[in-house]
C-alpha atoms as a PDB file:
ATOM      1  CA  MET A   1      60.566 129.423 109.643  1.00  0.00           C
ATOM      2  CA  PRO A   2      61.398 133.031 108.622  1.00  0.00           C
ATOM      3  CA  SER A   3      62.023 135.446 111.475  1.00  0.00           C
ATOM      4  CA  SER A   4      58.997 137.580 110.514  1.00  0.00           C
ATOM      5  CA  SER A   5      56.658 134.543 110.555  1.00  0.00           C
ATOM      6  CA  ARG A   6      58.142 133.369 113.866  1.00  0.00           C
ATOM      7  CA  SER A   7      57.652 136.823 115.390  1.00  0.00           C
ATOM      8  CA  SER A   8      54.050 136.991 114.126  1.00  0.00           C
ATOM      9  CA  THR A   9      53.282 133.542 115.594  1.00  0.00           C
ATOM     10  CA  GLU A  10      54.732 134.501 118.989  1.00  0.00           C
ATOM     11  CA  THR A  11      52.707 137.726 118.995  1.00  0.00           C
ATOM     12  CA  ASN A  12      49.483 135.856 118.184  1.00  0.00           C
ATOM     13  CA  LEU A  13      50.123 133.324 120.935  1.00  0.00           C
ATOM     14  CA  LEU A  14      50.757 136.043 123.504  1.00  0.00           C
ATOM     15  CA  ALA A  15      47.667 137.959 122.407  1.00  0.00           C
ATOM     16  CA  SER A  16      45.555 134.784 122.683  1.00  0.00           C
ATOM     17  CA  LEU A  17      46.925 134.026 126.137  1.00  0.00           C
ATOM     18  CA  LEU A  18      46.234 137.584 127.313  1.00  0.00           C
ATOM     19  CA  SER A  19      42.689 137.474 125.910  1.00  0.00           C
ATOM     20  CA  ILE A  20      41.914 134.185 127.665  1.00  0.00           C
ATOM     21  CA  LEU A  21      43.193 135.483 130.992  1.00  0.00           C
ATOM     22  CA  ILE A  22      41.226 138.745 130.699  1.00  0.00           C
ATOM     23  CA  VAL A  23      37.969 136.996 129.646  1.00  0.00           C
ATOM     24  CA  PHE A  24      38.327 134.552 132.522  1.00  0.00           C
ATOM     25  CA  SER A  25      38.795 137.476 134.917  1.00  0.00           C
ATOM     26  CA  LEU A  26      35.679 139.285 133.657  1.00  0.00           C
ATOM     27  CA  PHE A  27      33.402 136.247 133.815  1.00  0.00           C
ATOM     28  CA  SER A  28      34.756 134.668 137.002  1.00  0.00           C
ATOM     29  CA  GLY A  29      32.239 136.409 139.247  1.00  0.00           C
ATOM     30  CA  LEU A  30      34.981 138.054 141.292  1.00  0.00           C
ATOM     31  CA  SER A  31      34.688 141.491 142.781  1.00  0.00           C
ATOM     32  CA  LEU A  32      35.981 144.490 140.841  1.00  0.00           C
ATOM     33  CA  TRP A  33      39.284 144.751 142.682  1.00  0.00           C
ATOM     34  CA  TRP A  34      40.069 141.062 142.201  1.00  0.00           C
ATOM     35  CA  ILE A  35      39.288 141.434 138.492  1.00  0.00           C
ATOM     36  CA  ILE A  36      41.727 144.334 138.332  1.00  0.00           C
ATOM     37  CA  SER A  37      44.327 142.276 140.225  1.00  0.00           C
ATOM     38  CA  LEU A  38      43.961 139.356 137.769  1.00  0.00           C
ATOM     39  CA  ILE A  39      44.242 141.653 134.754  1.00  0.00           C
ATOM     40  CA  VAL A  40      47.392 143.324 136.123  1.00  0.00           C
ATOM     41  CA  GLY A  41      48.924 139.929 136.871  1.00  0.00           C
ATOM     42  CA  SER A  42      48.052 138.712 133.361  1.00  0.00           C
ATOM     43  CA  LEU A  43      49.708 141.729 131.770  1.00  0.00           C
ATOM     44  CA  THR A  44      52.829 141.125 133.908  1.00  0.00           C
ATOM     45  CA  ILE A  45      53.086 137.468 132.843  1.00  0.00           C
ATOM     46  CA  VAL A  46      52.650 138.310 129.169  1.00  0.00           C
ATOM     47  CA  PHE A  47      55.184 141.173 129.421  1.00  0.00           C
ATOM     48  CA  PHE A  48      57.964 138.997 130.789  1.00  0.00           C
ATOM     49  CA  ILE A  49      57.225 136.147 128.349  1.00  0.00           C
ATOM     50  CA  ALA A  50      57.408 138.637 125.466  1.00  0.00           C
ATOM     51  CA  ARG A  51      60.652 140.085 126.859  1.00  0.00           C
ATOM     52  CA  SER A  52      62.229 136.634 127.040  1.00  0.00           C
ATOM     53  CA  LEU A  53      61.151 135.701 123.496  1.00  0.00           C
ATOM     54  CA  HIS A  54      62.446 139.036 122.134  1.00  0.00           C
ATOM     55  CA  HIS A  55      65.806 138.553 123.860  1.00  0.00           C
ATOM     56  CA  ALA A  56      66.222 135.073 122.305  1.00  0.00           C
ATOM     57  CA  ARG A  57      65.099 136.283 118.866  1.00  0.00           C
ATOM     58  CA  VAL A  58      67.549 139.211 118.842  1.00  0.00           C
ATOM     59  CA  GLN A  59      70.391 136.906 119.878  1.00  0.00           C
ATOM     60  CA  ARG A  60      69.631 134.581 116.947  1.00  0.00           C
ATOM     61  CA  LEU A  61      69.473 137.550 114.590  1.00  0.00           C
ATOM     62  CA  TYR A  62      72.850 138.885 115.749  1.00  0.00           C
ATOM     63  CA  ARG A  63      74.552 135.556 115.096  1.00  0.00           C
ATOM     64  CA  GLN A  64      72.931 135.208 111.636  1.00  0.00           C
ATOM     65  CA  GLN A  65      74.054 138.739 110.729  1.00  0.00           C
ATOM     66  CA  LEU A  66      77.636 138.082 111.892  1.00  0.00           C
ATOM     67  CA  LEU A  67      77.812 134.854 109.861  1.00  0.00           C
ATOM     68  CA  ALA A  68      76.629 136.771 106.792  1.00  0.00           C
ATOM     69  CA  LEU A  69      79.727 139.052 106.951  1.00  0.00           C
ATOM     70  CA  SER A  70      82.883 138.310 104.984  1.00  0.00           C
ATOM     71  CA  PRO A  71      86.024 137.503 107.006  1.00  0.00           C
ATOM     72  CA  SER A  72      87.402 141.028 106.524  1.00  0.00           C
ATOM     73  CA  GLU A  73      84.033 142.610 107.428  1.00  0.00           C
ATOM     74  CA  PHE A  74      83.884 140.449 110.545  1.00  0.00           C
ATOM     75  CA  GLU A  75      87.314 141.756 111.601  1.00  0.00           C
ATOM     76  CA  GLN A  76      86.104 145.323 111.067  1.00  0.00           C
ATOM     77  CA  ARG A  77      82.978 144.562 113.095  1.00  0.00           C
ATOM     78  CA  ILE A  78      85.038 143.232 116.052  1.00  0.00           C
ATOM     79  CA  ALA A  79      87.244 146.331 115.855  1.00  0.00           C
ATOM     80  CA  LEU A  80      84.168 148.580 116.043  1.00  0.00           C
ATOM     81  CA  LEU A  81      82.923 146.526 119.001  1.00  0.00           C
ATOM     82  CA  LEU A  82      86.183 147.015 120.900  1.00  0.00           C
ATOM     83  CA  GLU A  83      86.019 150.760 120.295  1.00  0.00           C
ATOM     84  CA  ASP A  84      82.447 150.842 121.587  1.00  0.00           C
ATOM     85  CA  LEU A  85      83.655 149.040 124.707  1.00  0.00           C
ATOM     86  CA  GLY A  86      86.220 151.774 125.355  1.00  0.00           C
ATOM     87  CA  TRP A  87      89.392 150.095 124.060  1.00  0.00           C
ATOM     88  CA  GLN A  88      92.158 152.384 122.738  1.00  0.00           C
ATOM     89  CA  ASN A  89      94.459 152.279 119.684  1.00  0.00           C
ATOM     90  CA  VAL A  90      92.355 149.676 117.874  1.00  0.00           C
ATOM     91  CA  VAL A  91      94.086 148.766 114.582  1.00  0.00           C
ATOM     92  CA  VAL A  92      92.881 146.192 112.004  1.00  0.00           C
ATOM     93  CA  ARG A  93      95.881 144.356 110.573  1.00  0.00           C
ATOM     94  CA  GLY A  94      93.994 141.788 108.507  1.00  0.00           C
ATOM     95  CA  GLY A  95      95.951 138.737 109.626  1.00  0.00           C
ATOM     96  CA  SER A  96      99.054 139.629 107.620  1.00  0.00           C
ATOM     97  CA  GLY A  97     102.116 137.880 109.091  1.00  0.00           C
ATOM     98  CA  ASP A  98     102.898 136.961 112.704  1.00  0.00           C
ATOM     99  CA  ARG A  99     100.624 133.896 112.728  1.00  0.00           C
ATOM    100  CA  GLY A 100      97.422 135.602 111.679  1.00  0.00           C
ATOM    101  CA  VAL A 101      96.985 138.459 114.176  1.00  0.00           C
ATOM    102  CA  ASP A 102      93.924 140.340 112.914  1.00  0.00           C
ATOM    103  CA  ILE A 103      93.609 143.237 115.409  1.00  0.00           C
ATOM    104  CA  THR A 104      95.835 144.972 117.953  1.00  0.00           C
ATOM    105  CA  ALA A 105      94.377 147.135 120.740  1.00  0.00           C
ATOM    106  CA  GLN A 106      95.034 148.464 124.246  1.00  0.00           C
ATOM    107  CA  ARG A 107      92.935 148.351 127.420  1.00  0.00           C
ATOM    108  CA  ASP A 108      93.834 149.319 130.979  1.00  0.00           C
ATOM    109  CA  GLY A 109      97.440 149.873 129.914  1.00  0.00           C
ATOM    110  CA  LEU A 110      97.798 146.328 128.499  1.00  0.00           C
ATOM    111  CA  ARG A 111      98.542 145.507 124.863  1.00  0.00           C
ATOM    112  CA  TYR A 112      96.225 142.914 123.255  1.00  0.00           C
ATOM    113  CA  ILE A 113      96.378 140.914 120.055  1.00  0.00           C
ATOM    114  CA  ILE A 114      93.087 139.546 118.666  1.00  0.00           C
ATOM    115  CA  GLN A 115      92.390 136.802 116.161  1.00  0.00           C
ATOM    116  CA  CYS A 116      88.889 136.522 114.559  1.00  0.00           C
ATOM    117  CA  LYS A 117      87.327 133.273 113.301  1.00  0.00           C
ATOM    118  CA  ARG A 118      83.944 133.567 111.560  1.00  0.00           C
ATOM    119  CA  TYR A 119      83.191 129.848 111.812  1.00  0.00           C
ATOM    120  CA  THR A 120      80.115 127.644 112.143  1.00  0.00           C
ATOM    121  CA  LYS A 121      82.083 124.643 113.451  1.00  0.00           C
ATOM    122  CA  PRO A 122      83.998 124.477 116.768  1.00  0.00           C
ATOM    123  CA  VAL A 123      87.483 126.044 116.735  1.00  0.00           C
ATOM    124  CA  GLY A 124      90.277 123.486 117.245  1.00  0.00           C
ATOM    125  CA  PRO A 125      93.322 123.652 119.550  1.00  0.00           C
ATOM    126  CA  ASN A 126      95.781 124.413 116.702  1.00  0.00           C
ATOM    127  CA  TYR A 127      94.446 127.963 116.517  1.00  0.00           C
ATOM    128  CA  VAL A 128      94.973 128.385 120.235  1.00  0.00           C
ATOM    129  CA  ARG A 129      98.604 127.225 119.957  1.00  0.00           C
ATOM    130  CA  ASP A 130      99.234 129.584 117.007  1.00  0.00           C
ATOM    131  CA  LEU A 131      97.869 132.556 118.946  1.00  0.00           C
ATOM    132  CA  VAL A 132      99.959 131.688 122.024  1.00  0.00           C
ATOM    133  CA  GLY A 133     103.025 131.663 119.752  1.00  0.00           C
ATOM    134  CA  ALA A 134     102.021 135.010 118.252  1.00  0.00           C
ATOM    135  CA  LEU A 135     101.623 136.387 121.784  1.00  0.00           C
ATOM    136  CA  GLN A 136     105.305 135.685 122.456  1.00  0.00           C
ATOM    137  CA  ILE A 137     106.480 136.965 119.068  1.00  0.00           C
ATOM    138  CA  GLN A 138     104.521 140.201 119.382  1.00  0.00           C
ATOM    139  CA  GLN A 139     105.536 140.614 123.050  1.00  0.00           C
ATOM    140  CA  ALA A 140     101.952 141.534 123.850  1.00  0.00           C
ATOM    141  CA  ASP A 141     100.410 141.262 127.311  1.00  0.00           C
ATOM    142  CA  ARG A 142      97.285 139.255 126.437  1.00  0.00           C
ATOM    143  CA  ALA A 143      95.507 137.688 123.486  1.00  0.00           C
ATOM    144  CA  ILE A 144      91.859 137.044 122.530  1.00  0.00           C
ATOM    145  CA  LEU A 145      90.504 134.425 120.154  1.00  0.00           C
ATOM    146  CA  VAL A 146      87.007 135.440 118.910  1.00  0.00           C
ATOM    147  CA  THR A 147      84.589 133.170 117.045  1.00  0.00           C
ATOM    148  CA  THR A 148      80.940 133.069 116.019  1.00  0.00           C
ATOM    149  CA  SER A 149      80.956 129.386 116.990  1.00  0.00           C
ATOM    150  CA  THR A 150      82.298 127.503 120.020  1.00  0.00           C
ATOM    151  CA  PHE A 151      85.609 125.956 121.111  1.00  0.00           C
ATOM    152  CA  THR A 152      86.447 122.294 121.481  1.00  0.00           C
ATOM    153  CA  ASP A 153      87.292 120.903 124.931  1.00  0.00           C
ATOM    154  CA  GLN A 154      90.907 120.453 123.839  1.00  0.00           C
ATOM    155  CA  SER A 155      91.047 124.141 122.824  1.00  0.00           C
ATOM    156  CA  ARG A 156      89.918 125.178 126.286  1.00  0.00           C
ATOM    157  CA  LEU A 157      92.544 122.925 127.856  1.00  0.00           C
ATOM    158  CA  GLU A 158      95.257 124.496 125.655  1.00  0.00           C
ATOM    159  CA  ALA A 159      94.157 127.993 126.706  1.00  0.00           C
ATOM    160  CA  ARG A 160      94.130 127.168 130.429  1.00  0.00           C
ATOM    161  CA  GLY A 161      96.972 128.888 132.243  1.00  0.00           C
ATOM    162  CA  GLN A 162      97.806 131.102 129.249  1.00  0.00           C
ATOM    163  CA  ALA A 163      97.302 134.879 128.920  1.00  0.00           C
ATOM    164  CA  LEU A 164      94.562 134.080 126.447  1.00  0.00           C
ATOM    165  CA  GLU A 165      90.808 134.749 126.454  1.00  0.00           C
ATOM    166  CA  LEU A 166      88.340 132.660 124.422  1.00  0.00           C
ATOM    167  CA  TRP A 167      85.271 134.526 123.178  1.00  0.00           C
ATOM    168  CA  ASP A 168      82.661 132.092 121.790  1.00  0.00           C
ATOM    169  CA  HIS A 169      79.338 133.206 120.295  1.00  0.00           C
ATOM    170  CA  ARG A 170      77.753 133.574 123.753  1.00  0.00           C
ATOM    171  CA  ILE A 171      80.504 135.814 125.096  1.00  0.00           C
ATOM    172  CA  LEU A 172      80.550 137.755 121.812  1.00  0.00           C
ATOM    173  CA  TRP A 173      76.797 138.366 122.159  1.00  0.00           C
ATOM    174  CA  GLN A 174      77.336 139.589 125.730  1.00  0.00           C
ATOM    175  CA  ARG A 175      80.038 142.013 124.553  1.00  0.00           C
ATOM    176  CA  ILE A 176      77.769 143.377 121.803  1.00  0.00           C
ATOM    177  CA  GLU A 177      74.954 143.824 124.285  1.00  0.00           C
ATOM    178  CA  GLU A 178      77.350 145.458 126.769  1.00  0.00           C
ATOM    179  CA  ALA A 179      78.450 147.934 124.088  1.00  0.00           C
ATOM    180  CA  GLU A 180      74.819 148.793 123.280  1.00  0.00           C
ATOM    181  CA  GLN A 181      74.016 149.344 126.950  1.00  0.00           C
ATOM    182  CA  ARG A 182      77.151 151.476 127.336  1.00  0.00           C
ATOM    183  CA  ARG A 183      76.051 153.700 124.508  1.00  0.00           C
ATOM    184  CA  LEU A 184      72.360 154.035 125.433  1.00  0.00           C
ATOM    185  CA  THR A 185      72.298 153.888 129.240  1.00  0.00           C
ATOM    186  CA  ASN A 186      75.598 155.540 130.235  1.00  0.00           C
ATOM    187  CA  GLN A 187      77.231 152.293 131.378  1.00  0.00           C
ATOM    188  CA  GLN A 188      74.443 151.314 133.766  1.00  0.00           C
ATOM    189  CA  ARG A 189      74.574 147.659 134.677  1.00  0.00           C
ATOM    190  CA  ARG A 190      72.154 145.472 132.811  1.00  0.00           C
ATOM    191  CA  LYS A 191      71.203 143.583 136.000  1.00  0.00           C
ATOM    192  CA  ARG A 192      69.976 146.821 137.513  1.00  0.00           C
ATOM    193  CA  SER A 193      67.927 147.725 134.428  1.00  0.00           C
ATOM    194  CA  VAL A 194      66.284 144.267 134.596  1.00  0.00           C
ATOM    195  CA  ALA A 195      65.761 144.297 138.373  1.00  0.00           C
ATOM    196  CA  LEU A 196      63.919 147.636 138.415  1.00  0.00           C
ATOM    197  CA  PRO A 197      60.964 146.603 136.194  1.00  0.00           C
ATOM    198  CA  VAL A 198      60.771 143.229 138.007  1.00  0.00           C
ATOM    199  CA  ALA A 199      60.588 144.908 141.414  1.00  0.00           C
ATOM    200  CA  PHE A 200      58.076 147.488 140.117  1.00  0.00           C
ATOM    201  CA  ALA A 201      55.836 144.819 138.578  1.00  0.00           C
ATOM    202  CA  LEU A 202      55.985 142.653 141.701  1.00  0.00           C
ATOM    203  CA  GLY A 203      55.236 145.621 143.964  1.00  0.00           C
ATOM    204  CA  LEU A 204      52.348 146.752 141.743  1.00  0.00           C
ATOM    205  CA  ASN A 205      50.792 143.248 141.823  1.00  0.00           C
ATOM    206  CA  LEU A 206      51.165 143.029 145.611  1.00  0.00           C
ATOM    207  CA  VAL A 207      49.592 146.469 146.131  1.00  0.00           C
ATOM    208  CA  VAL A 208      46.600 145.777 143.865  1.00  0.00           C
ATOM    209  CA  ALA A 209      46.066 142.305 145.372  1.00  0.00           C
ATOM    210  CA  GLY A 210      46.300 143.788 148.888  1.00  0.00           C
ATOM    211  CA  ILE A 211      43.682 146.434 148.061  1.00  0.00           C
ATOM    212  CA  ALA A 212      41.438 143.764 146.581  1.00  0.00           C
ATOM    213  CA  PHE A 213      41.787 141.564 149.676  1.00  0.00           C
ATOM    214  CA  SER A 214      41.168 144.426 152.136  1.00  0.00           C
ATOM    215  CA  ILE A 215      38.043 145.633 150.320  1.00  0.00           C
ATOM    216  CA  SER A 216      36.470 142.427 149.009  1.00  0.00           C
ATOM    217  CA  GLY A 217      38.028 139.684 151.135  1.00  0.00           C
ATOM    218  CA  PRO A 218      39.294 136.377 149.688  1.00  0.00           C
ATOM    219  CA  PRO A 219      38.466 135.734 146.009  1.00  0.00           C
ATOM    220  CA  VAL A 220      35.344 133.634 145.356  1.00  0.00           C
ATOM    221  CA  ILE A 221      34.756 132.340 141.808  1.00  0.00           C
ATOM    222  CA  SER A 222      31.143 131.959 140.639  1.00  0.00           C
ATOM    223  CA  ILE A 223      30.567 128.876 138.463  1.00  0.00           C
ATOM    224  CA  ASP A 224      27.226 130.309 137.241  1.00  0.00           C
ATOM    225  CA  ARG A 225      28.927 133.409 135.812  1.00  0.00           C
ATOM    226  CA  ILE A 226      31.435 131.258 133.948  1.00  0.00           C
ATOM    227  CA  GLY A 227      28.517 129.408 132.395  1.00  0.00           C
ATOM    228  CA  GLN A 228      27.481 132.606 130.676  1.00  0.00           C
ATOM    229  CA  LEU A 229      30.368 132.116 128.281  1.00  0.00           C
ATOM    230  CA  VAL A 230      28.460 129.210 126.622  1.00  0.00           C
ATOM    231  CA  PRO A 231      26.464 130.570 123.618  1.00  0.00           C
ATOM    232  CA  VAL A 232      22.677 130.088 123.858  1.00  0.00           C
ATOM    233  CA  GLY A 233      20.910 128.937 120.639  1.00  0.00           C
ATOM    234  CA  GLU A 234      17.613 130.169 119.233  1.00  0.00           C
ATOM    235  CA  THR A 235      14.478 129.192 121.138  1.00  0.00           C
ATOM    236  CA  ASN A 236      11.083 128.020 119.729  1.00  0.00           C
ATOM    237  CA  GLY A 237      12.440 128.233 116.191  1.00  0.00           C
ATOM    238  CA  GLU A 238      11.931 131.989 116.157  1.00  0.00           C
ATOM    239  CA  ARG A 239      13.457 133.815 113.284  1.00  0.00           C
ATOM    240  CA  ALA A 240      13.565 137.442 112.328  1.00  0.00           C
ATOM    241  CA  THR A 241      11.780 138.350 109.113  1.00  0.00           C
ATOM    242  CA  SER A 242      12.283 141.344 106.962  1.00  0.00           C
ATOM    243  CA  ARG A 243       9.871 143.177 104.741  1.00  0.00           C
ATOM    244  CA  SER A 244      10.693 144.784 101.447  1.00  0.00           C
ATOM    245  CA  LEU A 245       9.076 148.133 100.675  1.00  0.00           C
ATOM    246  CA  GLY A 246       8.209 149.133  97.113  1.00  0.00           C
ATOM    247  CA  THR A 247       7.479 152.638  95.799  1.00  0.00           C
ATOM    248  CA  ASN A 248       5.713 153.551  92.631  1.00  0.00           C
ATOM    249  CA  SER A 249       6.971 156.682  90.960  1.00  0.00           C
ATOM    250  CA  PRO A 250       4.819 158.195  88.201  1.00  0.00           C
ATOM    251  CA  THR A 251       6.373 158.625  84.790  1.00  0.00           C
ATOM    252  CA  LEU A 252       6.199 162.179  83.491  1.00  0.00           C
ATOM    253  CA  GLN A 253       5.972 162.710  79.788  1.00  0.00           C
ATOM    254  CA  SER A 254       6.211 166.002  77.980  1.00  0.00           C
ATOM    255  CA  THR A 255       4.759 166.732  74.601  1.00  0.00           C
ATOM    256  CA  VAL A 256       6.989 168.724  72.233  1.00  0.00           C
ATOM    257  CA  PRO A 257       5.446 170.170  69.035  1.00  0.00           C
ATOM    258  CA  ASN A 258       7.012 169.125  65.711  1.00  0.00           C
ATOM    259  CA  ARG A 259       9.449 171.659  64.226  1.00  0.00           C
ATOM    260  CA  PRO A 260      11.137 171.701  60.878  1.00  0.00           C
ATOM    261  CA  SER A 261      14.549 170.032  60.943  1.00  0.00           C
ATOM    262  CA  VAL A 262      17.629 172.102  60.287  1.00  0.00           C
ATOM    263  CA  THR A 263      20.696 170.651  58.570  1.00  0.00           C
ATOM    264  CA  PRO A 264      23.642 171.120  60.952  1.00  0.00           C
ATOM    265  CA  ARG A 265      26.695 172.946  59.671  1.00  0.00           C
ATOM    266  CA  PRO A 266      29.983 171.076  59.799  1.00  0.00           C
ATOM    267  CA  THR A 267      32.229 172.125  62.643  1.00  0.00           C
ATOM    268  CA  ARG A 268      35.925 171.603  63.247  1.00  0.00           C
ATOM    269  CA  THR A 269      36.752 169.061  65.896  1.00  0.00           C
ATOM    270  CA  PRO A 270      39.058 170.702  68.457  1.00  0.00           C
ATOM    271  CA  GLN A 271      42.362 168.901  68.896  1.00  0.00           C
ATOM    272  CA  PRO A 272      43.055 167.666  72.436  1.00  0.00           C
ATOM    273  CA  THR A 273      45.767 169.526  74.248  1.00  0.00           C
ATOM    274  CA  ALA A 274      48.621 167.480  75.690  1.00  0.00           C
ATOM    275  CA  THR A 275      48.450 167.082  79.465  1.00  0.00           C
ATOM    276  CA  PRO A 276      51.840 167.717  81.061  1.00  0.00           C
ATOM    277  CA  GLN A 277      53.138 164.600  82.825  1.00  0.00           C
ATOM    278  CA  PRO A 278      54.173 165.136  86.434  1.00  0.00           C
ATOM    279  CA  THR A 279      57.878 164.805  87.005  1.00  0.00           C
ATOM    280  CA  SER A 280      58.732 162.094  89.513  1.00  0.00           C
ATOM    281  CA  THR A 281      60.956 163.009  92.412  1.00  0.00           C
ATOM    282  CA  PRO A 282      63.793 160.503  92.780  1.00  0.00           C
ATOM    283  CA  VAL A 283      63.483 158.450  95.947  1.00  0.00           C
ATOM    284  CA  ARG A 284      66.709 157.837  97.841  1.00  0.00           C
ATOM    285  CA  PRO A 285      67.272 154.254  99.025  1.00  0.00           C
ATOM    286  CA  THR A 286      67.149 153.593 102.765  1.00  0.00           C
ATOM    287  CA  ALA A 287      68.303 150.891 105.148  1.00  0.00           C
ATOM    288  CA  SER A 288      67.562 150.002 108.759  1.00  0.00           C
ATOM    289  CA  VAL A 289      70.267 150.030 111.428  1.00  0.00           C
ATOM    290  CA  PHE A 290      71.138 146.512 112.586  1.00  0.00           C
ATOM    291  CA  ASN A 291      73.375 147.588 115.437  1.00  0.00           C
ATOM    292  CA  GLY A 292      74.346 151.011 116.755  1.00  0.00           C
ATOM    293  CA  GLY A 293      77.685 152.612 115.974  1.00  0.00           C
ATOM    294  CA  ASN A 294      79.583 155.767 115.060  1.00  0.00           C
ATOM    295  CA  VAL A 295      79.081 158.064 112.058  1.00  0.00           C
ATOM    296  CA  ARG A 296      82.572 159.084 110.888  1.00  0.00           C
ATOM    297  CA  ALA A 297      83.959 161.868 108.693  1.00  0.00           C
ATOM    298  CA  ALA A 298      86.063 159.404 106.677  1.00  0.00           C
ATOM    299  CA  PRO A 299      85.536 155.746 105.620  1.00  0.00           C
ATOM    300  CA  ASN A 300      87.981 154.260 108.121  1.00  0.00           C
ATOM    301  CA  LEU A 301      88.364 153.705 111.852  1.00  0.00           C
ATOM    302  CA  GLN A 302      90.590 156.793 112.142  1.00  0.00           C
ATOM    303  CA  GLY A 303      87.816 159.098 110.856  1.00  0.00           C
ATOM    304  CA  THR A 304      86.495 161.704 113.263  1.00  0.00           C
ATOM    305  CA  VAL A 305      83.258 160.641 115.030  1.00  0.00           C
ATOM    306  CA  LEU A 306      80.501 163.057 113.961  1.00  0.00           C
ATOM    307  CA  ASP A 307      77.428 161.390 115.480  1.00  0.00           C
ATOM    308  CA  GLN A 308      75.941 157.970 116.132  1.00  0.00           C
ATOM    309  CA  ILE A 309      73.267 155.654 114.736  1.00  0.00           C
ATOM    310  CA  HIS A 310      71.127 153.416 116.930  1.00  0.00           C
ATOM    311  CA  ALA A 311      69.490 150.061 116.389  1.00  0.00           C
ATOM    312  CA  TYR A 312      66.193 150.024 114.412  1.00  0.00           C
ATOM    313  CA  GLU A 313      66.690 153.576 113.052  1.00  0.00           C
ATOM    314  CA  THR A 314      66.257 154.182 109.312  1.00  0.00           C
ATOM    315  CA  VAL A 315      69.046 155.984 107.418  1.00  0.00           C
ATOM    316  CA  ILE A 316      69.255 157.424 103.893  1.00  0.00           C
ATOM    317  CA  LEU A 317      71.873 155.827 101.626  1.00  0.00           C
ATOM    318  CA  LEU A 318      74.045 158.204  99.573  1.00  0.00           C
ATOM    319  CA  GLY A 319      76.830 156.005  98.255  1.00  0.00           C
ATOM    320  CA  ARG A 320      79.629 153.575  99.139  1.00  0.00           C
ATOM    321  CA  SER A 321      83.391 153.394  99.291  1.00  0.00           C
ATOM    322  CA  ALA A 322      85.337 151.775  96.490  1.00  0.00           C
ATOM    323  CA  ASP A 323      85.703 148.480  98.398  1.00  0.00           C
ATOM    324  CA  GLY A 324      82.037 148.562  99.510  1.00  0.00           C
ATOM    325  CA  VAL A 325      82.946 148.203 103.199  1.00  0.00           C
ATOM    326  CA  TRP A 326      81.843 151.734 104.193  1.00  0.00           C
ATOM    327  CA  ILE A 327      78.496 153.348 103.342  1.00  0.00           C
ATOM    328  CA  ARG A 328      77.792 157.104 103.101  1.00  0.00           C
ATOM    329  CA  ILE A 329      74.495 157.876 104.921  1.00  0.00           C
ATOM    330  CA  ILE A 330      72.317 160.570 106.455  1.00  0.00           C
ATOM    331  CA  ASN A 331      71.037 159.623 109.920  1.00  0.00           C
ATOM    332  CA  PRO A 332      67.608 160.657 111.323  1.00  0.00           C
ATOM    333  CA  ARG A 333      69.184 163.745 112.919  1.00  0.00           C
ATOM    334  CA  GLY A 334      70.403 164.996 109.536  1.00  0.00           C
ATOM    335  CA  GLN A 335      74.083 164.143 110.109  1.00  0.00           C
ATOM    336  CA  GLU A 336      75.864 162.960 106.963  1.00  0.00           C
ATOM    337  CA  GLY A 337      78.886 160.686 107.201  1.00  0.00           C
ATOM    338  CA  TRP A 338      80.360 157.200 106.838  1.00  0.00           C
ATOM    339  CA  VAL A 339      79.320 154.025 108.741  1.00  0.00           C
ATOM    340  CA  HIS A 340      80.594 150.492 108.486  1.00  0.00           C
ATOM    341  CA  ARG A 341      78.449 148.271 106.304  1.00  0.00           C
ATOM    342  CA  SER A 342      78.082 145.646 109.023  1.00  0.00           C
ATOM    343  CA  LEU A 343      76.038 148.115 111.128  1.00  0.00           C
ATOM    344  CA  LEU A 344      73.240 148.175 108.524  1.00  0.00           C
ATOM    345  CA  THR A 345      70.695 145.636 107.316  1.00  0.00           C
ATOM    346  CA  LEU A 346      71.497 146.285 103.637  1.00  0.00           C
ATOM    347  CA  ASP A 347      70.025 144.521 100.632  1.00  0.00           C
ATOM    348  CA  PRO A 348      72.921 143.415  98.382  1.00  0.00           C
ATOM    349  CA  ALA A 349      70.960 144.420  95.295  1.00  0.00           C
ATOM    350  CA  ILE A 350      70.608 147.988  96.638  1.00  0.00           C
ATOM    351  CA  ALA A 351      74.266 148.053  97.711  1.00  0.00           C
ATOM    352  CA  GLU A 352      75.410 147.327  94.143  1.00  0.00           C
ATOM    353  CA  THR A 353      73.414 150.283  92.776  1.00  0.00           C
ATOM    354  CA  LEU A 354      74.948 152.808  95.180  1.00  0.00           C
ATOM    355  CA  PRO A 355      77.432 155.187  93.511  1.00  0.00           C
ATOM    356  CA  VAL A 356      81.088 155.020  94.548  1.00  0.00           C
ATOM    357  CA  ILE A 357      82.049 158.145  96.523  1.00  0.00           C
ATOM    358  CA  THR A 358      85.694 159.130  96.807  1.00  0.00           C
ATOM    359  CA  PRO A 359      86.383 160.810 100.165  1.00  0.00           C
END
């Protein structure tokens, strides 16, 4: 099922559930405060169900988007992720030599080597052994093996006791989410951002229910009021009739005396003047932002950061780099610059029509 159809189905189900709960509250025969309490509780339930469905849907979308990248684009995407997480001296090496090291970076004074595997099948232990060997050759402090898939049990056994971290698709998703939270909420912990609305919703429900109990006492449901939901048919075969009204309007005739006919003189038919056609204003192509990131002055990771783009924003497309990896855009705040292609949900047909811009 397409993501748009799945999202529409989930929305319809939540709307139906909310409608049923609200209608039951209104026709249950409860007092006003208990009706308000039930409605608030219904809204709370639907809110957290919708939040959970949205979280799962976004996680699926992230993995699909990562699998759609080429291997080199995936390496660039991981490098951007490390920068967003605050790592320093991030350099994409492209797996050239030294047993396929793709990225080197530093964090907390330690030197890391990173290998990226954009796979759909589990990563085997041979890749773990190769990266451990590269760790010794490079004389790095730690290594990370990143994949869009999972690792076999033997791979995890090989990594045990080594200065090696395994990032499967779940950990990768957590790192992407952590980077987004770091950018938008000033490094506030995600647990705190989730706990606050939960505590607020729980407190609101308890307060409203307490007011309802103190004013109206325990809830008492009236079966007779619920019966009013059953539609009542027509009685005694009565039907409404309608009458049509007619109006007679007199016809007026005028008598015109006969006059001698005059032969008309030929006239020149005026030629129609050409109507100027409106000139169409060229429409620049746009794209939506798949994941937030930096707007840079040059199409590379060393370019100066000018501004940022955020998820679900719409940007104007100006052109692309010669290799097509970087896109020249204008963000909603009017800042022009370069962003990595993996940050955008970009139609390949539109990408091919973009002009090549030489920085």
